[in-house]
């Protein structure tokens, strides 16, 4: 293979990876909607076994789908909690925590060189060069480097209080533009700036408001005036 052909081949490989990623996101969105539509069924003694299987299947899919960036898998959990009430809330809460921890670990385990290689393959050279400057640094050194490169306004504050920032971002309306819960968890893992035990604690608190509200007021929410 000639040297001139190598950049073209790398670019084609990058486009293929990007196409696979986009396909995964689109398929995840379609599957999420399909599962939500499937949950729209009446609860009767005759269909309880089928409903139980559907719930278990939905929770397994929920864990995987919510871990994928830009896939609104959280809607499955919300649909289950609204349909089945407080009794399903602990299960949904646990699966949400598992999903966000899974995405975090995937991000943590992704080789940094593979990420920068992909960025170069799709011609995002500046982003790749920026990430390469963090290779081999520990979390403290990464924070120092980011503070040096950040504008002197509110960004340094967000970086220094990154756990609070993550907590707020997870609960931010419209956070799907940032990748949703799965995307945020993935980026947190890729940054190597979050201690695992602190991350789990912060996420456990961040995802608790809606489950707590449903646990306390779930039986009466349906009677609230709109």
C-alpha atoms as a PDB file:
ATOM      1  CA  UNK A   1       0.000   0.000   0.000  1.00  0.00           C
ATOM      2  CA  UNK A   2       1.346   3.420  -0.943  1.00  0.00           C
ATOM      3  CA  UNK A   3       1.740   6.157   1.645  1.00  0.00           C
ATOM      4  CA  UNK A   4      -0.751   8.379  -0.193  1.00  0.00           C
ATOM      5  CA  UNK A   5      -3.425   5.696   0.121  1.00  0.00           C
ATOM      6  CA  UNK A   6      -3.007   5.272   3.874  1.00  0.00           C
ATOM      7  CA  UNK A   7      -4.685   8.574   4.932  1.00  0.00           C
ATOM      8  CA  UNK A   8      -7.633   7.785   2.656  1.00  0.00           C
ATOM      9  CA  UNK A   9      -7.995   4.339   4.174  1.00  0.00           C
ATOM     10  CA  UNK A  10      -7.818   5.765   7.717  1.00  0.00           C
ATOM     11  CA  UNK A  11     -10.453   8.355   6.821  1.00  0.00           C
ATOM     12  CA  UNK A  12     -12.744   5.661   5.399  1.00  0.00           C
ATOM     13  CA  UNK A  13     -12.251   3.598   8.567  1.00  0.00           C
ATOM     14  CA  UNK A  14     -13.219   6.616  10.650  1.00  0.00           C
ATOM     15  CA  UNK A  15     -16.339   7.239   8.579  1.00  0.00           C
ATOM     16  CA  UNK A  16     -17.315   3.587   8.956  1.00  0.00           C
ATOM     17  CA  UNK A  17     -16.952   3.808  12.741  1.00  0.00           C
ATOM     18  CA  UNK A  18     -18.988   7.024  12.743  1.00  0.00           C
ATOM     19  CA  UNK A  19     -21.709   5.372  10.640  1.00  0.00           C
ATOM     20  CA  UNK A  20     -21.846   2.443  13.060  1.00  0.00           C
ATOM     21  CA  UNK A  21     -22.158   4.841  16.003  1.00  0.00           C
ATOM     22  CA  UNK A  22     -24.974   6.800  14.327  1.00  0.00           C
ATOM     23  CA  UNK A  23     -26.755   3.560  13.445  1.00  0.00           C
ATOM     24  CA  UNK A  24     -26.499   2.432  17.069  1.00  0.00           C
ATOM     25  CA  UNK A  25     -27.986   5.712  18.299  1.00  0.00           C
ATOM     26  CA  UNK A  26     -30.858   5.629  15.775  1.00  0.00           C
ATOM     27  CA  UNK A  27     -31.597   1.970  16.542  1.00  0.00           C
ATOM     28  CA  UNK A  28     -31.523   2.738  20.266  1.00  0.00           C
ATOM     29  CA  UNK A  29     -34.052   5.546  19.834  1.00  0.00           C
ATOM     30  CA  UNK A  30     -36.362   3.337  17.772  1.00  0.00           C
ATOM     31  CA  UNK A  31     -36.090   0.469  20.250  1.00  0.00           C
ATOM     32  CA  UNK A  32     -36.804   2.807  23.165  1.00  0.00           C
ATOM     33  CA  UNK A  33     -39.991   4.030  21.508  1.00  0.00           C
ATOM     34  CA  UNK A  34     -40.998   0.465  20.663  1.00  0.00           C
ATOM     35  CA  UNK A  35     -40.594  -0.649  24.277  1.00  0.00           C
ATOM     36  CA  UNK A  36     -42.603   2.320  25.569  1.00  0.00           C
ATOM     37  CA  UNK A  37     -45.393   1.526  23.101  1.00  0.00           C
ATOM     38  CA  UNK A  38     -45.314  -2.118  24.231  1.00  0.00           C
ATOM     39  CA  UNK A  39     -45.783  -1.083  27.848  1.00  0.00           C
ATOM     40  CA  UNK A  40     -49.073   0.597  26.957  1.00  0.00           C
ATOM     41  CA  UNK A  41     -51.228  -2.380  27.883  1.00  0.00           C
ATOM     42  CA  UNK A  42     -53.865  -2.944  30.510  1.00  0.00           C
ATOM     43  CA  UNK A  43     -52.994  -4.841  33.690  1.00  0.00           C
ATOM     44  CA  UNK A  44     -55.326  -7.796  34.116  1.00  0.00           C
ATOM     45  CA  UNK A  45     -54.975 -11.155  35.915  1.00  0.00           C
ATOM     46  CA  UNK A  46     -54.974 -12.893  32.535  1.00  0.00           C
ATOM     47  CA  UNK A  47     -51.898 -11.054  31.250  1.00  0.00           C
ATOM     48  CA  UNK A  48     -49.829 -10.783  34.460  1.00  0.00           C
ATOM     49  CA  UNK A  49     -47.276 -13.476  33.392  1.00  0.00           C
ATOM     50  CA  UNK A  50     -46.761 -11.690  30.060  1.00  0.00           C
ATOM     51  CA  UNK A  51     -46.516  -8.338  31.811  1.00  0.00           C
ATOM     52  CA  UNK A  52     -43.899  -9.709  34.224  1.00  0.00           C
ATOM     53  CA  UNK A  53     -41.757 -10.942  31.321  1.00  0.00           C
ATOM     54  CA  UNK A  54     -42.215  -7.627  29.543  1.00  0.00           C
ATOM     55  CA  UNK A  55     -41.067  -5.718  32.628  1.00  0.00           C
ATOM     56  CA  UNK A  56     -37.951  -7.856  33.057  1.00  0.00           C
ATOM     57  CA  UNK A  57     -37.099  -7.539  29.361  1.00  0.00           C
ATOM     58  CA  UNK A  58     -37.736  -3.799  29.485  1.00  0.00           C
ATOM     59  CA  UNK A  59     -35.427  -3.364  32.484  1.00  0.00           C
ATOM     60  CA  UNK A  60     -32.608  -5.257  30.784  1.00  0.00           C
ATOM     61  CA  UNK A  61     -33.062  -3.136  27.658  1.00  0.00           C
ATOM     62  CA  UNK A  62     -33.319  -0.034  29.844  1.00  0.00           C
ATOM     63  CA  UNK A  63     -29.885  -0.634  31.365  1.00  0.00           C
ATOM     64  CA  UNK A  64     -28.279  -1.006  27.937  1.00  0.00           C
ATOM     65  CA  UNK A  65     -30.181   1.769  26.151  1.00  0.00           C
ATOM     66  CA  UNK A  66     -29.692   4.391  28.837  1.00  0.00           C
ATOM     67  CA  UNK A  67     -25.932   3.771  28.725  1.00  0.00           C
ATOM     68  CA  UNK A  68     -25.859   4.785  25.028  1.00  0.00           C
ATOM     69  CA  UNK A  69     -25.270   8.504  24.395  1.00  0.00           C
ATOM     70  CA  UNK A  70     -28.147  10.430  22.787  1.00  0.00           C
ATOM     71  CA  UNK A  71     -30.644   7.621  23.428  1.00  0.00           C
ATOM     72  CA  UNK A  72     -33.547   8.662  25.727  1.00  0.00           C
ATOM     73  CA  UNK A  73     -33.611   5.325  27.542  1.00  0.00           C
ATOM     74  CA  UNK A  74     -34.692   7.086  30.733  1.00  0.00           C
ATOM     75  CA  UNK A  75     -38.167   7.355  29.192  1.00  0.00           C
ATOM     76  CA  UNK A  76     -38.573   3.599  29.665  1.00  0.00           C
ATOM     77  CA  UNK A  77     -37.964   3.937  33.395  1.00  0.00           C
ATOM     78  CA  UNK A  78     -40.337   6.896  33.643  1.00  0.00           C
ATOM     79  CA  UNK A  79     -43.018   4.997  31.737  1.00  0.00           C
ATOM     80  CA  UNK A  80     -42.685   1.983  34.034  1.00  0.00           C
ATOM     81  CA  UNK A  81     -42.887   4.137  37.155  1.00  0.00           C
ATOM     82  CA  UNK A  82     -45.943   6.002  35.880  1.00  0.00           C
ATOM     83  CA  UNK A  83     -47.740   2.808  34.817  1.00  0.00           C
ATOM     84  CA  UNK A  84     -46.924   0.553  37.770  1.00  0.00           C
ATOM     85  CA  UNK A  85     -46.520   3.134  40.524  1.00  0.00           C
ATOM     86  CA  UNK A  86     -44.305   3.115  43.642  1.00  0.00           C
ATOM     87  CA  UNK A  87     -43.787  -0.658  43.737  1.00  0.00           C
ATOM     88  CA  UNK A  88     -41.548  -0.575  40.642  1.00  0.00           C
ATOM     89  CA  UNK A  89     -39.584   2.551  41.668  1.00  0.00           C
ATOM     90  CA  UNK A  90     -36.745   0.791  43.602  1.00  0.00           C
ATOM     91  CA  UNK A  91     -36.101  -1.538  40.655  1.00  0.00           C
ATOM     92  CA  UNK A  92     -36.029   1.331  38.155  1.00  0.00           C
ATOM     93  CA  UNK A  93     -33.766   3.355  40.451  1.00  0.00           C
ATOM     94  CA  UNK A  94     -31.319   0.468  40.803  1.00  0.00           C
ATOM     95  CA  UNK A  95     -31.252  -0.186  37.068  1.00  0.00           C
ATOM     96  CA  UNK A  96     -30.671   3.522  36.391  1.00  0.00           C
ATOM     97  CA  UNK A  97     -27.671   3.527  38.723  1.00  0.00           C
ATOM     98  CA  UNK A  98     -26.302   0.350  37.127  1.00  0.00           C
ATOM     99  CA  UNK A  99     -26.694   1.833  33.646  1.00  0.00           C
ATOM    100  CA  UNK A 100     -24.891   5.079  34.467  1.00  0.00           C
ATOM    101  CA  UNK A 101     -22.102   3.168  36.213  1.00  0.00           C
ATOM    102  CA  UNK A 102     -21.802   0.897  33.158  1.00  0.00           C
ATOM    103  CA  UNK A 103     -21.437   3.903  30.842  1.00  0.00           C
ATOM    104  CA  UNK A 104     -18.864   5.425  33.208  1.00  0.00           C
ATOM    105  CA  UNK A 105     -16.792   2.229  33.277  1.00  0.00           C
ATOM    106  CA  UNK A 106     -16.915   1.928  29.486  1.00  0.00           C
ATOM    107  CA  UNK A 107     -15.595   5.475  29.219  1.00  0.00           C
ATOM    108  CA  UNK A 108     -12.935   4.750  31.830  1.00  0.00           C
ATOM    109  CA  UNK A 109     -11.759   1.636  29.985  1.00  0.00           C
ATOM    110  CA  UNK A 110     -11.707   3.151  26.490  1.00  0.00           C
ATOM    111  CA  UNK A 111      -8.047   3.515  25.425  1.00  0.00           C
ATOM    112  CA  UNK A 112      -7.201   7.184  25.037  1.00  0.00           C
ATOM    113  CA  UNK A 113      -5.146   6.475  21.933  1.00  0.00           C
ATOM    114  CA  UNK A 114      -8.159   4.845  20.277  1.00  0.00           C
ATOM    115  CA  UNK A 115     -10.274   7.937  20.943  1.00  0.00           C
ATOM    116  CA  UNK A 116      -7.698  10.342  19.507  1.00  0.00           C
ATOM    117  CA  UNK A 117      -7.139   8.019  16.522  1.00  0.00           C
ATOM    118  CA  UNK A 118     -10.859   8.069  15.763  1.00  0.00           C
ATOM    119  CA  UNK A 119     -10.949  11.867  15.985  1.00  0.00           C
ATOM    120  CA  UNK A 120      -8.079  12.125  13.523  1.00  0.00           C
ATOM    121  CA  UNK A 121      -9.766   9.629  11.196  1.00  0.00           C
ATOM    122  CA  UNK A 122     -12.820  11.891  10.970  1.00  0.00           C
ATOM    123  CA  UNK A 123     -10.575  14.972  10.560  1.00  0.00           C
ATOM    124  CA  UNK A 124     -11.217  16.433  14.027  1.00  0.00           C
ATOM    125  CA  UNK A 125      -7.506  17.142  14.311  1.00  0.00           C
ATOM    126  CA  UNK A 126      -7.697  19.980  16.838  1.00  0.00           C
ATOM    127  CA  UNK A 127      -9.824  17.905  19.204  1.00  0.00           C
ATOM    128  CA  UNK A 128      -7.426  14.977  18.846  1.00  0.00           C
ATOM    129  CA  UNK A 129      -4.419  17.198  19.540  1.00  0.00           C
ATOM    130  CA  UNK A 130      -6.146  18.666  22.592  1.00  0.00           C
ATOM    131  CA  UNK A 131      -6.902  15.201  24.025  1.00  0.00           C
ATOM    132  CA  UNK A 132      -3.385  13.969  23.297  1.00  0.00           C
ATOM    133  CA  UNK A 133      -2.035  16.668  25.609  1.00  0.00           C
ATOM    134  CA  UNK A 134      -3.715  14.839  28.526  1.00  0.00           C
ATOM    135  CA  UNK A 135      -2.275  11.384  27.824  1.00  0.00           C
ATOM    136  CA  UNK A 136      -0.416   9.974  30.796  1.00  0.00           C
ATOM    137  CA  UNK A 137      -1.606  12.632  33.265  1.00  0.00           C
ATOM    138  CA  UNK A 138      -3.342  11.826  36.541  1.00  0.00           C
ATOM    139  CA  UNK A 139      -6.615  13.484  37.581  1.00  0.00           C
ATOM    140  CA  UNK A 140      -4.907  16.359  39.406  1.00  0.00           C
ATOM    141  CA  UNK A 141      -2.624  17.108  36.475  1.00  0.00           C
ATOM    142  CA  UNK A 142      -5.580  16.946  34.085  1.00  0.00           C
ATOM    143  CA  UNK A 143      -7.486  19.471  36.188  1.00  0.00           C
ATOM    144  CA  UNK A 144      -4.493  21.816  36.255  1.00  0.00           C
ATOM    145  CA  UNK A 145      -4.074  21.547  32.488  1.00  0.00           C
ATOM    146  CA  UNK A 146      -7.786  22.220  31.902  1.00  0.00           C
ATOM    147  CA  UNK A 147      -7.729  25.237  34.202  1.00  0.00           C
ATOM    148  CA  UNK A 148      -4.783  26.614  32.263  1.00  0.00           C
ATOM    149  CA  UNK A 149      -6.641  26.236  28.951  1.00  0.00           C
ATOM    150  CA  UNK A 150     -10.080  27.399  30.172  1.00  0.00           C
ATOM    151  CA  UNK A 151     -11.438  30.924  29.844  1.00  0.00           C
ATOM    152  CA  UNK A 152     -11.219  32.893  33.092  1.00  0.00           C
ATOM    153  CA  UNK A 153     -14.943  33.036  33.773  1.00  0.00           C
ATOM    154  CA  UNK A 154     -17.305  30.368  35.050  1.00  0.00           C
ATOM    155  CA  UNK A 155     -15.599  27.335  33.418  1.00  0.00           C
ATOM    156  CA  UNK A 156     -12.853  27.028  36.084  1.00  0.00           C
ATOM    157  CA  UNK A 157     -15.524  27.021  38.810  1.00  0.00           C
ATOM    158  CA  UNK A 158     -17.409  24.224  37.034  1.00  0.00           C
ATOM    159  CA  UNK A 159     -14.201  22.217  36.713  1.00  0.00           C
ATOM    160  CA  UNK A 160     -13.235  22.618  40.354  1.00  0.00           C
ATOM    161  CA  UNK A 161     -16.756  21.599  41.398  1.00  0.00           C
ATOM    162  CA  UNK A 162     -17.057  18.907  38.736  1.00  0.00           C
ATOM    163  CA  UNK A 163     -19.067  16.508  40.923  1.00  0.00           C
ATOM    164  CA  UNK A 164     -21.703  19.167  41.550  1.00  0.00           C
ATOM    165  CA  UNK A 165     -21.588  20.097  37.865  1.00  0.00           C
ATOM    166  CA  UNK A 166     -22.210  16.482  36.895  1.00  0.00           C
ATOM    167  CA  UNK A 167     -25.100  16.212  39.355  1.00  0.00           C
ATOM    168  CA  UNK A 168     -26.732  19.328  37.921  1.00  0.00           C
ATOM    169  CA  UNK A 169     -26.114  18.233  34.313  1.00  0.00           C
ATOM    170  CA  UNK A 170     -27.796  14.861  34.896  1.00  0.00           C
ATOM    171  CA  UNK A 171     -30.926  16.671  36.112  1.00  0.00           C
ATOM    172  CA  UNK A 172     -30.761  19.467  33.540  1.00  0.00           C
ATOM    173  CA  UNK A 173     -33.865  19.615  31.316  1.00  0.00           C
ATOM    174  CA  UNK A 174     -32.838  19.003  27.731  1.00  0.00           C
ATOM    175  CA  UNK A 175     -29.537  17.375  28.664  1.00  0.00           C
ATOM    176  CA  UNK A 176     -30.022  15.102  25.659  1.00  0.00           C
ATOM    177  CA  UNK A 177     -28.084  17.696  23.630  1.00  0.00           C
ATOM    178  CA  UNK A 178     -25.119  16.817  25.879  1.00  0.00           C
ATOM    179  CA  UNK A 179     -25.635  13.107  25.290  1.00  0.00           C
ATOM    180  CA  UNK A 180     -28.200  12.412  27.996  1.00  0.00           C
ATOM    181  CA  UNK A 181     -27.357  10.539  31.171  1.00  0.00           C
ATOM    182  CA  UNK A 182     -25.413   7.876  29.296  1.00  0.00           C
ATOM    183  CA  UNK A 183     -23.386  10.427  27.348  1.00  0.00           C
ATOM    184  CA  UNK A 184     -22.555  12.424  30.471  1.00  0.00           C
ATOM    185  CA  UNK A 185     -21.511   9.265  32.321  1.00  0.00           C
ATOM    186  CA  UNK A 186     -19.391   8.144  29.366  1.00  0.00           C
ATOM    187  CA  UNK A 187     -17.612  11.521  29.181  1.00  0.00           C
ATOM    188  CA  UNK A 188     -17.052  11.500  32.945  1.00  0.00           C
ATOM    189  CA  UNK A 189     -15.344   8.136  32.638  1.00  0.00           C
ATOM    190  CA  UNK A 190     -13.290   9.198  29.625  1.00  0.00           C
ATOM    191  CA  UNK A 191     -12.065  12.298  31.468  1.00  0.00           C
ATOM    192  CA  UNK A 192     -10.350  10.159  34.167  1.00  0.00           C
ATOM    193  CA  UNK A 193     -11.115  13.022  36.578  1.00  0.00           C
ATOM    194  CA  UNK A 194     -13.785  11.318  38.675  1.00  0.00           C
ATOM    195  CA  UNK A 195     -12.994   8.861  41.473  1.00  0.00           C
ATOM    196  CA  UNK A 196     -15.204   5.801  41.048  1.00  0.00           C
ATOM    197  CA  UNK A 197     -16.583   5.733  44.602  1.00  0.00           C
ATOM    198  CA  UNK A 198     -17.393   9.456  44.550  1.00  0.00           C
ATOM    199  CA  UNK A 199     -18.958   9.152  41.125  1.00  0.00           C
ATOM    200  CA  UNK A 200     -21.282   6.357  42.286  1.00  0.00           C
ATOM    201  CA  UNK A 201     -22.317   8.368  45.349  1.00  0.00           C
ATOM    202  CA  UNK A 202     -22.956  11.555  43.351  1.00  0.00           C
ATOM    203  CA  UNK A 203     -24.983   9.748  40.692  1.00  0.00           C
ATOM    204  CA  UNK A 204     -26.973   7.856  43.336  1.00  0.00           C
ATOM    205  CA  UNK A 205     -28.004  11.207  44.810  1.00  0.00           C
ATOM    206  CA  UNK A 206     -28.510  12.914  41.431  1.00  0.00           C
ATOM    207  CA  UNK A 207     -31.047  10.354  40.158  1.00  0.00           C
ATOM    208  CA  UNK A 208     -32.999  10.146  43.423  1.00  0.00           C
ATOM    209  CA  UNK A 209     -35.436  13.138  43.308  1.00  0.00           C
ATOM    210  CA  UNK A 210     -38.048  11.686  40.930  1.00  0.00           C
ATOM    211  CA  UNK A 211     -37.983   8.191  42.511  1.00  0.00           C
ATOM    212  CA  UNK A 212     -38.363   9.748  45.975  1.00  0.00           C
ATOM    213  CA  UNK A 213     -41.306  11.863  44.841  1.00  0.00           C
ATOM    214  CA  UNK A 214     -42.984   8.836  43.286  1.00  0.00           C
ATOM    215  CA  UNK A 215     -42.301   6.690  46.343  1.00  0.00           C
ATOM    216  CA  UNK A 216     -43.865   9.286  48.664  1.00  0.00           C
ATOM    217  CA  UNK A 217     -46.655  10.705  46.510  1.00  0.00           C
ATOM    218  CA  UNK A 218     -47.031   8.071  43.782  1.00  0.00           C
ATOM    219  CA  UNK A 219     -50.489   6.895  44.805  1.00  0.00           C
ATOM    220  CA  UNK A 220     -51.865  10.419  44.903  1.00  0.00           C
ATOM    221  CA  UNK A 221     -50.163  11.994  41.888  1.00  0.00           C
ATOM    222  CA  UNK A 222     -52.860  10.687  39.554  1.00  0.00           C
ATOM    223  CA  UNK A 223     -55.472  12.646  41.549  1.00  0.00           C
ATOM    224  CA  UNK A 224     -53.556  15.939  41.478  1.00  0.00           C
ATOM    225  CA  UNK A 225     -55.269  18.689  39.435  1.00  0.00           C
ATOM    226  CA  UNK A 226     -53.540  19.538  36.178  1.00  0.00           C
END
